[in-house]
Structures are given as structure tokens and as C-alpha cells.
Amino acid sequence: MLIYNPVRDDPRVVAEGAALARHGCRVSVIGAALQPNQPPRASFRGMDLWITPIAGGWNPLLWLQAVRRWLRGDLRDLGDGCRRSGWFALLYFNLWCIRLGLKLKPDVIHCHEHQPILAARWLARRLGAPIVYDAHESVPDTVPGLKGWIARRQETALIRRMGVTVITVGDRLAAALRARGARRVEVVGNWKRIDDYNLSFKDLETTRERLKVTQSLIVCHLGQLNPKVYNIPALLSAIQSSPDTALIIAGRGDTRDQVIAAAQCHSNIYWLDWVELAETPVLVSLSDVIYCCVQPDFPQSAYVAPNKLFEALAAGKPVIARRGVGEIGDILERTGAGLLLDEVTPATLRAAFAQLQQPEVRSRLAAAARAAREQYNWAAAEARLLAVYAELAGAP
């Protein structure tokens, strides 16, 4: 597997890699040290991780040092000052994928997103290995400028290639990829293992006591704090004027400082900084509702089906979302597992919290979420993934 990130915090890569490892495949994941303190070699959930150094910026001396490291096979980190992405960083990552891919000699190359396409195509030709292209998002709607033009051309050439199997996160994006010429597309959703969310009352109460949550309604938002993706300012404003509602919030993004400041002033905002994947199930299960209001002008809004939605369904929890936005809107309209808002403002959110304070409303929405997880669960997604691999490489 090739993925241009540190791997451990990517729910999709971890779920797919761990599933293949459990079913007898040797899974090697080549990632990139875009976050600090990433060991270059590690074993993680049955996978072998190879985390390559990042050589960002426009420093020719650094590039020379990076190339020397690559020639020697030296995976040591180049330092925090190099950790941003860029043209050379992307090329350097592909060079590492090629070097390590030749060493590992895989039977299948699983290319996550567009950044490692160059390496995936070269390795496929050299090793005679099939490619699984894993489209997490719509490249034409995401990557701007010249870099976007190159990425779109590379992706289009790859998905039209005979023998390449495309897997993606949802039906809307699958249809868009087929329209661009993809020969075979399978939906392997970011669905979750129900067993991970079947937690005991004791586990939940222990977490409640640790966080010192006392409010009668708990709202949860874990992950992206970019206001261009989720309407975080409206959420904070609504919570600040709803003393009987708690907000458990964690993540990274532009509103991080705003969230921290709000948590310091309001005792009903519980700021957890960054949450590891393993901690997500207990926090979602403790909550009464998951906040997932995607901004309608977000470039991926037509396709978005976020992990938060499927975490909520796995835990049997309702979702607050914006009506008519993305695949999340389609799923919630169809299943009735959430409150859909025409506008996301502090006033509409306070009204939603007031509805959810009513036990009968919460119970009805939770029952719909539990019914929906019979369709949207990892067992179904895993079966599709394993079927693709069985066709490509036979039984492990």
C-alpha cells in the first residue's frame, strides 16, 4: 500500500490493511512522515509500516542531502523544517515508493489517492503486478492549479487502464469515476466494525467520570476543525448558550485556537486536543449525537460521506447534518438516522439540541441509526475488499 501520510491516523488505510492482514496477506504500507515522531519502521495492527522522510521546501542543499539518503536507503527523518509538502516532496516520496517497492516485490500494488500514482504505475510495469487504485476523494474538485491539472491527467490515465481496479468511498464518487472512464469501480465504504462500538456501561461511565461530563446531552465532533469543511464557529456559539449541552471536541485545523479559547471560558466544552483512532469508539458511544454539518461550498461537498457518519451509525447514535449536502445527506434522508438542517446557525443548532433533549426523539433517531448499521458496517465493506483481492491475486 502506498499512501502520502503517516498512516496511523488514516482510518481507511488502517481498516483495509488490517483486514487484509487478518485474512492472511502480508501487508506493507509505505507512508510519509508528514507528522513528527514517526519511526521509520514499525509493526501496526498486523501491517509492516515504512515511513519515508519528507523533503519539503525549496532548499537545493536539502534536496541533495535527501537524494543521498535515498541512494543509501536511509529512512531517517530530515527534520521538522522539511515536513511541509511540495513538488520535490511528492517526487521524493514516489522515489522512495519505487525503491521500497522493488525491495518488497508485492503481488498487488494498492495506491491510495493520487500522490503515489507515478510510483504505482512504474512498479506495476516492472513487477507485472495489478493495481488497486483507492480514491478517497474527487481529485478534480480538490487539487488546484498546475498540480491539480497534472494529478487529474495522471488519475484519468490510471483509472482507464485495463486491469486497474478502482475502489472508492461512496456511490456518488463511484459514478463520477465511471463517467471519467474507469473500467471497474467497487464501493468499499468507510464503514466501521460494530463490535468496536459495543462497549459496556462501565467503560462509558469510566470515560464520563474521567472527562467530568455532567450535562444531560452530549454532542461530539472529532477530527477536522477547518471551518471551510465543517461549520465549527456556529457549533461553538450554540454550545456556549446551551449550558445543559456538552460538547466533546478534538482535532486539527484552523479553528483549533478558537476551540481552545472557548473551552477555557465554558465548562460545557471538553477539548481533547487530538484523539487516537483507538479512542474514537468510546467517545462516540458516550455521546448522544454526532455533529457533522459540512459546508455546502466545500469542494468535496457533492461526494462527502465522512467517517463521522459511519462511526455514529456503528454506535447507534444520531447525526446532526446539513440537508442536501453530499452522500451523507442522501444516507440520512434514506435512513432517518439524523436531524437535517436547512441552515446551520447557532439558532438552528440550539433548536436541534432542544429536540434531542427529548428522550423519545433521541430514542427514535438512535433506533434508525442502529437499523442503518445493518447495511453500513465494516463486515460488508471488508467482504467487498476481499473479493477484489481474491480476483486479483487468489487466496492469500
Protein backbone atom coordinates (compact mmCIF):
# COMPACT_ATOMS: atom_id res chain seq x y z
CA MET A 1 0.00 0.00 0.00
CA LEU A 2 1.21 3.49 -0.91
CA ILE A 3 -0.20 6.49 0.98
CA TYR A 4 1.13 10.04 1.31
CA ASN A 5 0.53 10.44 5.05
CA PRO A 6 1.82 8.94 8.35
CA VAL A 7 -0.69 6.02 8.09
CA ARG A 8 -1.68 5.50 11.74
CA ASP A 9 -4.34 8.26 11.79
CA ASP A 10 -5.90 7.30 8.44
CA PRO A 11 -8.99 5.21 9.30
CA ARG A 12 -9.43 3.89 5.76
CA VAL A 13 -5.85 2.72 5.27
CA VAL A 14 -5.76 1.14 8.73
CA ALA A 15 -9.08 -0.67 8.30
CA GLU A 16 -8.23 -2.06 4.87
CA GLY A 17 -4.66 -3.01 5.71
CA ALA A 18 -5.62 -4.68 8.99
CA ALA A 19 -8.42 -6.62 7.28
CA LEU A 20 -6.09 -7.96 4.60
CA ALA A 21 -3.51 -8.89 7.25
CA ARG A 22 -6.12 -10.74 9.31
CA HIS A 23 -7.05 -12.80 6.26
CA GLY A 24 -3.53 -13.99 5.56
CA CYS A 25 -1.92 -11.29 3.41
CA ARG A 26 1.43 -9.77 4.21
CA VAL A 27 0.68 -6.06 4.11
CA SER A 28 3.44 -3.49 3.78
CA VAL A 29 2.37 0.16 3.92
CA ILE A 30 4.72 2.87 2.62
CA GLY A 31 3.76 6.21 4.14
CA ALA A 32 5.30 9.66 4.66
CA ALA A 33 6.48 11.42 7.83
CA LEU A 34 4.21 14.45 7.45
CA GLN A 35 3.79 14.43 11.26
CA PRO A 36 6.74 14.41 13.70
CA ASN A 37 7.97 11.46 15.78
CA GLN A 38 7.19 8.76 13.23
CA PRO A 39 9.54 5.76 13.47
CA PRO A 40 10.73 4.70 10.00
CA ARG A 41 9.92 1.03 10.62
CA ALA A 42 7.12 -0.36 12.76
CA SER A 43 4.56 -3.12 13.05
CA PHE A 44 1.00 -1.83 13.43
CA ARG A 45 -2.20 -3.91 13.52
CA GLY A 46 -0.60 -6.72 11.58
CA MET A 47 0.93 -4.41 8.95
CA ASP A 48 4.57 -3.56 8.29
CA LEU A 49 4.93 0.24 8.16
CA TRP A 50 7.67 2.00 6.21
CA ILE A 51 7.53 5.75 6.94
CA THR A 52 9.67 7.72 4.49
CA PRO A 53 11.28 11.11 5.25
CA ILE A 54 9.78 14.30 3.85
CA ALA A 55 11.94 16.77 1.92
CA GLY A 56 9.75 19.86 1.58
CA GLY A 57 10.59 23.45 0.74
CA TRP A 58 12.94 24.93 -1.89
CA ASN A 59 16.38 24.23 -0.48
CA PRO A 60 18.71 22.61 -3.09
CA LEU A 61 21.20 21.62 -0.36
CA LEU A 62 18.42 19.79 1.46
CA TRP A 63 17.41 18.09 -1.77
CA LEU A 64 20.97 16.91 -2.30
CA GLN A 65 21.07 15.52 1.24
CA ALA A 66 17.69 13.84 0.67
CA VAL A 67 18.87 12.19 -2.56
CA ARG A 68 21.98 10.89 -0.80
CA ARG A 69 19.77 9.42 1.94
CA TRP A 70 17.61 7.77 -0.72
CA LEU A 71 20.61 6.28 -2.52
CA ARG A 72 21.82 4.77 0.76
CA GLY A 73 18.34 3.59 1.77
CA ASP A 74 18.47 5.79 4.88
CA LEU A 75 14.93 6.36 6.22
CA ARG A 76 15.92 8.76 9.00
CA ASP A 77 13.81 11.90 9.33
CA LEU A 78 15.22 15.04 7.70
CA GLY A 79 13.80 17.29 10.44
CA ASP A 80 10.69 19.34 11.25
CA GLY A 81 11.70 22.15 8.87
CA CYS A 82 11.25 19.78 5.92
CA ARG A 83 7.83 18.47 6.86
CA ARG A 84 5.64 20.51 4.53
CA SER A 85 4.61 19.09 1.17
CA GLY A 86 5.62 20.44 -2.24
CA TRP A 87 6.80 19.44 -5.70
CA PHE A 88 10.08 17.93 -4.60
CA ALA A 89 8.48 16.27 -1.56
CA LEU A 90 5.97 14.48 -3.82
CA LEU A 91 8.68 13.37 -6.24
CA TYR A 92 10.87 12.24 -3.34
CA PHE A 93 8.01 10.17 -1.88
CA ASN A 94 7.48 8.45 -5.23
CA LEU A 95 11.20 7.66 -5.42
CA TRP A 96 11.01 6.04 -2.00
CA CYS A 97 7.90 4.06 -3.05
CA ILE A 98 9.84 2.76 -6.08
CA ARG A 99 12.92 1.84 -4.05
CA LEU A 100 10.96 0.07 -1.31
CA GLY A 101 8.52 -1.49 -3.78
CA LEU A 102 11.40 -3.13 -5.65
CA LYS A 103 12.67 -4.48 -2.33
CA LEU A 104 9.27 -5.81 -1.23
CA LYS A 105 8.18 -7.23 -4.64
CA PRO A 106 4.41 -7.07 -3.98
CA ASP A 107 1.79 -9.23 -5.67
CA VAL A 108 -0.66 -6.29 -5.65
CA ILE A 109 0.03 -2.55 -5.52
CA HIS A 110 -2.66 -0.69 -3.58
CA CYS A 111 -2.34 3.02 -4.43
CA HIS A 112 -4.24 5.30 -2.02
CA GLU A 113 -5.18 8.61 -3.67
CA HIS A 114 -3.32 10.36 -6.46
CA GLN A 115 0.05 11.29 -4.92
CA PRO A 116 1.82 7.89 -5.46
CA ILE A 117 0.37 7.20 -8.94
CA LEU A 118 3.75 7.72 -10.66
CA ALA A 119 5.39 5.06 -8.47
CA ALA A 120 2.40 2.72 -8.66
CA ARG A 121 2.42 2.71 -12.47
CA TRP A 122 6.19 2.23 -12.70
CA LEU A 123 6.17 -0.64 -10.20
CA ALA A 124 3.21 -2.30 -11.89
CA ARG A 125 5.05 -2.33 -15.22
CA ARG A 126 8.34 -3.50 -13.69
CA LEU A 127 6.88 -6.22 -11.44
CA GLY A 128 3.88 -7.25 -13.52
CA ALA A 129 1.62 -6.59 -10.53
CA PRO A 130 -2.03 -5.44 -10.71
CA ILE A 131 -3.01 -2.06 -9.27
CA VAL A 132 -5.86 -1.29 -6.88
CA TYR A 133 -6.48 2.46 -7.02
CA ASP A 134 -8.20 3.69 -3.85
CA ALA A 135 -9.95 7.02 -4.49
CA HIS A 136 -10.70 8.70 -1.16
CA GLU A 137 -11.96 11.91 -2.75
CA SER A 138 -12.63 13.64 -6.06
CA VAL A 139 -9.29 14.89 -7.42
CA PRO A 140 -10.87 17.32 -9.97
CA ASP A 141 -12.64 19.07 -7.09
CA THR A 142 -9.71 19.10 -4.69
CA VAL A 143 -6.30 19.88 -6.19
CA PRO A 144 -5.93 23.41 -7.70
CA GLY A 145 -3.59 24.87 -10.31
CA LEU A 146 -0.90 23.12 -12.31
CA LYS A 147 -0.51 20.45 -9.66
CA GLY A 148 -4.23 19.68 -9.98
CA TRP A 149 -4.05 19.52 -13.78
CA ILE A 150 -1.19 17.00 -13.57
CA ALA A 151 -2.94 14.99 -10.86
CA ARG A 152 -6.18 14.80 -12.88
CA ARG A 153 -4.36 13.66 -16.01
CA GLN A 154 -2.42 11.02 -14.08
CA GLU A 155 -5.53 9.74 -12.34
CA THR A 156 -7.59 9.63 -15.55
CA ALA A 157 -4.84 7.71 -17.36
CA LEU A 158 -4.63 5.23 -14.48
CA ILE A 159 -8.33 4.52 -13.98
CA ARG A 160 -8.86 3.97 -17.72
CA ARG A 161 -6.07 1.43 -17.85
CA MET A 162 -7.07 -2.17 -18.47
CA GLY A 163 -6.62 -4.30 -15.36
CA VAL A 164 -6.78 -1.44 -12.83
CA THR A 165 -9.46 -1.93 -10.20
CA VAL A 166 -10.79 1.27 -8.62
CA ILE A 167 -12.29 1.19 -5.15
CA THR A 168 -13.84 4.25 -3.58
CA VAL A 169 -15.79 5.51 -0.60
CA GLY A 170 -19.34 6.01 -1.88
CA ASP A 171 -21.84 5.69 -4.71
CA ARG A 172 -21.63 9.34 -5.84
CA LEU A 173 -17.87 9.27 -6.29
CA ALA A 174 -18.07 5.83 -7.93
CA ALA A 175 -20.48 7.24 -10.54
CA ALA A 176 -18.15 10.20 -11.21
CA LEU A 177 -15.16 7.88 -11.69
CA ARG A 178 -17.12 5.70 -14.12
CA ALA A 179 -18.10 8.82 -16.07
CA ARG A 180 -14.39 9.65 -16.38
CA GLY A 181 -13.70 6.25 -17.93
CA ALA A 182 -12.90 3.94 -15.02
CA ARG A 183 -13.32 0.37 -16.24
CA ARG A 184 -14.17 -1.27 -12.92
CA VAL A 185 -15.26 0.54 -9.77
CA GLU A 186 -16.24 -1.05 -6.45
CA VAL A 187 -17.58 0.80 -3.41
CA VAL A 188 -15.72 -0.09 -0.21
CA GLY A 189 -17.19 2.40 2.24
CA ASN A 190 -15.51 3.90 5.29
CA TRP A 191 -17.86 1.78 7.36
CA LYS A 192 -16.98 0.68 10.90
CA ARG A 193 -16.78 -2.54 12.88
CA ILE A 194 -19.90 -2.76 15.02
CA ASP A 195 -18.09 -4.83 17.67
CA ASP A 196 -15.72 -1.91 18.31
CA TYR A 197 -18.71 0.16 19.42
CA ASN A 198 -20.43 -2.46 21.61
CA LEU A 199 -18.97 -1.11 24.83
CA SER A 200 -20.04 -1.86 28.37
CA PHE A 201 -21.87 0.58 30.61
CA LYS A 202 -18.82 0.51 32.88
CA ASP A 203 -16.49 1.61 30.06
CA LEU A 204 -18.76 4.53 29.21
CA GLU A 205 -19.21 5.62 32.82
CA THR A 206 -15.47 5.46 33.41
CA THR A 207 -14.93 7.80 30.46
CA ARG A 208 -17.72 10.12 31.60
CA GLU A 209 -16.14 10.36 35.07
CA ARG A 210 -12.65 10.91 33.61
CA LEU A 211 -13.92 13.81 31.48
CA LYS A 212 -16.22 15.05 34.29
CA VAL A 213 -19.17 15.45 31.93
CA THR A 214 -22.36 16.35 33.82
CA GLN A 215 -24.67 17.78 31.14
CA SER A 216 -27.83 15.94 30.04
CA LEU A 217 -26.99 15.97 26.30
CA ILE A 218 -23.56 15.22 24.82
CA VAL A 219 -22.61 16.40 21.31
CA CYS A 220 -19.41 15.03 19.76
CA HIS A 221 -17.13 16.25 16.96
CA LEU A 222 -13.78 14.51 16.42
CA GLY A 223 -11.42 15.29 13.55
CA GLN A 224 -11.37 18.12 11.05
CA LEU A 225 -11.54 21.64 12.53
CA ASN A 226 -11.27 23.50 9.23
CA PRO A 227 -14.22 25.96 9.03
CA LYS A 228 -14.22 25.53 5.23
CA VAL A 229 -15.21 21.89 5.80
CA TYR A 230 -17.39 21.96 8.93
CA ASN A 231 -19.22 24.92 10.45
CA ILE A 232 -17.30 24.93 13.73
CA PRO A 233 -17.96 28.60 14.71
CA ALA A 234 -21.74 28.06 14.67
CA LEU A 235 -21.34 24.93 16.79
CA LEU A 236 -19.23 26.74 19.39
CA SER A 237 -21.67 29.65 19.54
CA ALA A 238 -24.65 27.31 20.01
CA ILE A 239 -22.92 25.31 22.74
CA GLN A 240 -21.85 28.42 24.64
CA SER A 241 -25.50 29.42 25.03
CA SER A 242 -26.70 25.87 25.86
CA PRO A 243 -25.42 25.14 29.39
CA ASP A 244 -27.29 21.83 29.61
CA THR A 245 -25.48 20.52 26.49
CA ALA A 246 -21.87 19.28 26.48
CA LEU A 247 -19.51 19.32 23.51
CA ILE A 248 -16.71 16.76 23.26
CA ILE A 249 -14.38 18.05 20.57
CA ALA A 250 -10.91 17.16 19.28
CA GLY A 251 -8.91 17.50 16.10
CA ARG A 252 -6.71 19.69 13.93
CA GLY A 253 -7.47 22.69 11.75
CA ASP A 254 -7.74 26.46 11.51
CA THR A 255 -10.28 26.86 14.33
CA ARG A 256 -8.17 24.92 16.86
CA ASP A 257 -7.18 28.05 18.80
CA GLN A 258 -10.79 29.26 18.76
CA VAL A 259 -11.96 25.93 20.21
CA ILE A 260 -9.28 26.03 22.92
CA ALA A 261 -10.26 29.58 23.89
CA ALA A 262 -13.95 28.62 24.06
CA ALA A 263 -13.16 25.55 26.20
CA GLN A 264 -11.22 27.73 28.65
CA CYS A 265 -14.23 30.02 29.11
CA HIS A 266 -17.08 27.49 29.05
CA SER A 267 -17.18 24.42 31.28
CA ASN A 268 -19.51 22.53 28.93
CA ILE A 269 -16.86 22.37 26.15
CA TYR A 270 -14.48 19.43 26.62
CA TRP A 271 -11.37 19.92 24.47
CA LEU A 272 -9.34 16.71 23.97
CA ASP A 273 -6.71 18.05 21.52
CA TRP A 274 -6.02 15.01 19.29
CA VAL A 275 -7.67 11.61 19.70
CA GLU A 276 -6.06 8.37 18.54
CA LEU A 277 -8.19 6.07 16.38
CA ALA A 278 -8.44 3.52 19.18
CA GLU A 279 -10.10 6.11 21.47
CA THR A 280 -12.81 7.09 18.99
CA PRO A 281 -15.37 4.30 19.72
CA VAL A 282 -15.72 5.05 23.42
CA LEU A 283 -16.11 8.82 22.88
CA VAL A 284 -18.68 8.36 20.11
CA SER A 285 -20.58 5.76 22.15
CA LEU A 286 -20.62 8.02 25.20
CA SER A 287 -22.17 10.85 23.16
CA ASP A 288 -25.84 11.35 22.33
CA VAL A 289 -25.39 12.91 18.89
CA ILE A 290 -22.55 13.40 16.37
CA TYR A 291 -22.06 16.80 14.75
CA CYS A 292 -21.37 16.57 11.02
CA CYS A 293 -22.53 19.77 9.29
CA VAL A 294 -20.49 20.02 6.09
CA GLN A 295 -20.22 23.43 4.44
CA PRO A 296 -22.12 23.47 1.10
CA ASP A 297 -19.28 25.30 -0.68
CA PHE A 298 -16.64 22.78 0.41
CA PRO A 299 -15.10 21.48 -2.87
CA GLN A 300 -15.84 17.85 -1.93
CA SER A 301 -19.36 18.57 -0.67
CA ALA A 302 -21.08 16.72 -3.53
CA TYR A 303 -19.39 13.45 -2.56
CA VAL A 304 -18.67 13.69 1.14
CA ALA A 305 -19.53 10.62 3.25
CA PRO A 306 -17.31 11.20 6.29
CA ASN A 307 -16.00 8.72 8.82
CA LYS A 308 -18.03 10.54 11.49
CA LEU A 309 -21.28 9.41 9.88
CA PHE A 310 -20.33 5.74 9.95
CA GLU A 311 -18.88 5.96 13.45
CA ALA A 312 -22.25 7.31 14.56
CA LEU A 313 -24.19 4.53 12.83
CA ALA A 314 -21.89 1.84 14.25
CA ALA A 315 -22.54 3.22 17.74
CA GLY A 316 -26.28 3.62 17.09
CA LYS A 317 -26.11 7.41 17.51
CA PRO A 318 -27.99 10.07 15.52
CA VAL A 319 -26.24 12.73 13.45
CA ILE A 320 -26.80 16.46 13.02
CA ALA A 321 -26.06 17.35 9.39
CA ARG A 322 -26.95 19.81 6.66
CA ARG A 323 -29.80 18.77 4.36
CA GLY A 324 -28.97 18.02 0.72
CA VAL A 325 -25.19 18.12 1.08
CA GLY A 326 -23.18 15.15 -0.15
CA GLU A 327 -23.71 11.44 0.19
CA ILE A 328 -24.14 11.96 3.93
CA GLY A 329 -27.36 13.86 3.13
CA ASP A 330 -28.58 11.02 0.89
CA ILE A 331 -27.90 8.38 3.55
CA LEU A 332 -29.55 10.31 6.37
CA GLU A 333 -32.61 11.14 4.24
CA ARG A 334 -32.95 7.47 3.37
CA THR A 335 -32.36 6.03 6.83
CA GLY A 336 -33.89 8.72 9.04
CA ALA A 337 -30.87 8.46 11.36
CA GLY A 338 -30.36 12.15 11.96
CA LEU A 339 -31.60 15.70 12.22
CA LEU A 340 -31.14 17.51 8.89
CA LEU A 341 -30.89 21.31 9.00
CA ASP A 342 -31.68 23.57 6.05
CA GLU A 343 -29.43 26.23 7.57
CA VAL A 344 -26.65 25.76 10.10
CA THR A 345 -26.68 28.69 12.51
CA PRO A 346 -26.40 28.98 16.30
CA ALA A 347 -30.20 29.31 16.45
CA THR A 348 -30.95 26.19 14.35
CA LEU A 349 -28.39 24.21 16.32
CA ARG A 350 -29.91 25.28 19.64
CA ALA A 351 -33.30 24.17 18.33
CA ALA A 352 -31.79 20.80 17.34
CA PHE A 353 -30.30 20.40 20.82
CA ALA A 354 -33.71 21.15 22.34
CA GLN A 355 -35.30 18.39 20.23
CA LEU A 356 -32.59 15.95 21.24
CA GLN A 357 -33.15 16.70 24.91
CA GLN A 358 -36.46 14.86 24.48
CA PRO A 359 -35.92 11.14 25.24
CA GLU A 360 -38.48 9.98 22.68
CA VAL A 361 -36.78 11.92 19.87
CA ARG A 362 -33.36 10.59 20.79
CA SER A 363 -34.70 7.06 21.05
CA ARG A 364 -36.37 7.21 17.62
CA LEU A 365 -33.27 8.55 15.88
CA ALA A 366 -30.99 6.06 17.67
CA ALA A 367 -33.21 3.17 16.56
CA ALA A 368 -32.92 4.38 12.95
CA ALA A 369 -29.12 4.57 13.31
CA ARG A 370 -28.97 1.01 14.63
CA ALA A 371 -31.09 -0.19 11.72
CA ALA A 372 -28.83 1.62 9.23
CA ARG A 373 -25.69 -0.05 10.53
CA GLU A 374 -27.03 -3.39 9.31
CA GLN A 375 -26.17 -2.08 5.84
CA TYR A 376 -23.30 0.30 6.60
CA ASN A 377 -20.87 -1.83 8.60
CA TRP A 378 -17.29 -2.93 8.10
CA ALA A 379 -18.16 -6.61 7.65
CA ALA A 380 -19.95 -5.73 4.39
CA ALA A 381 -17.14 -3.42 3.20
CA GLU A 382 -14.47 -5.97 4.10
CA ALA A 383 -16.25 -8.68 2.11
CA ARG A 384 -16.10 -6.45 -0.99
CA LEU A 385 -12.43 -5.69 -0.43
CA LEU A 386 -11.52 -9.35 -0.02
CA ALA A 387 -13.49 -10.28 -3.14
CA VAL A 388 -11.46 -7.77 -5.17
CA TYR A 389 -8.19 -9.19 -3.85
CA ALA A 390 -9.30 -12.79 -4.43
CA GLU A 391 -9.89 -11.96 -8.10
CA LEU A 392 -6.56 -10.18 -8.48
CA ALA A 393 -4.21 -12.48 -6.58
CA GLY A 394 -6.12 -15.56 -5.46
CA ALA A 395 -6.47 -16.77 -1.89
CA PRO A 396 -3.73 -15.48 0.46
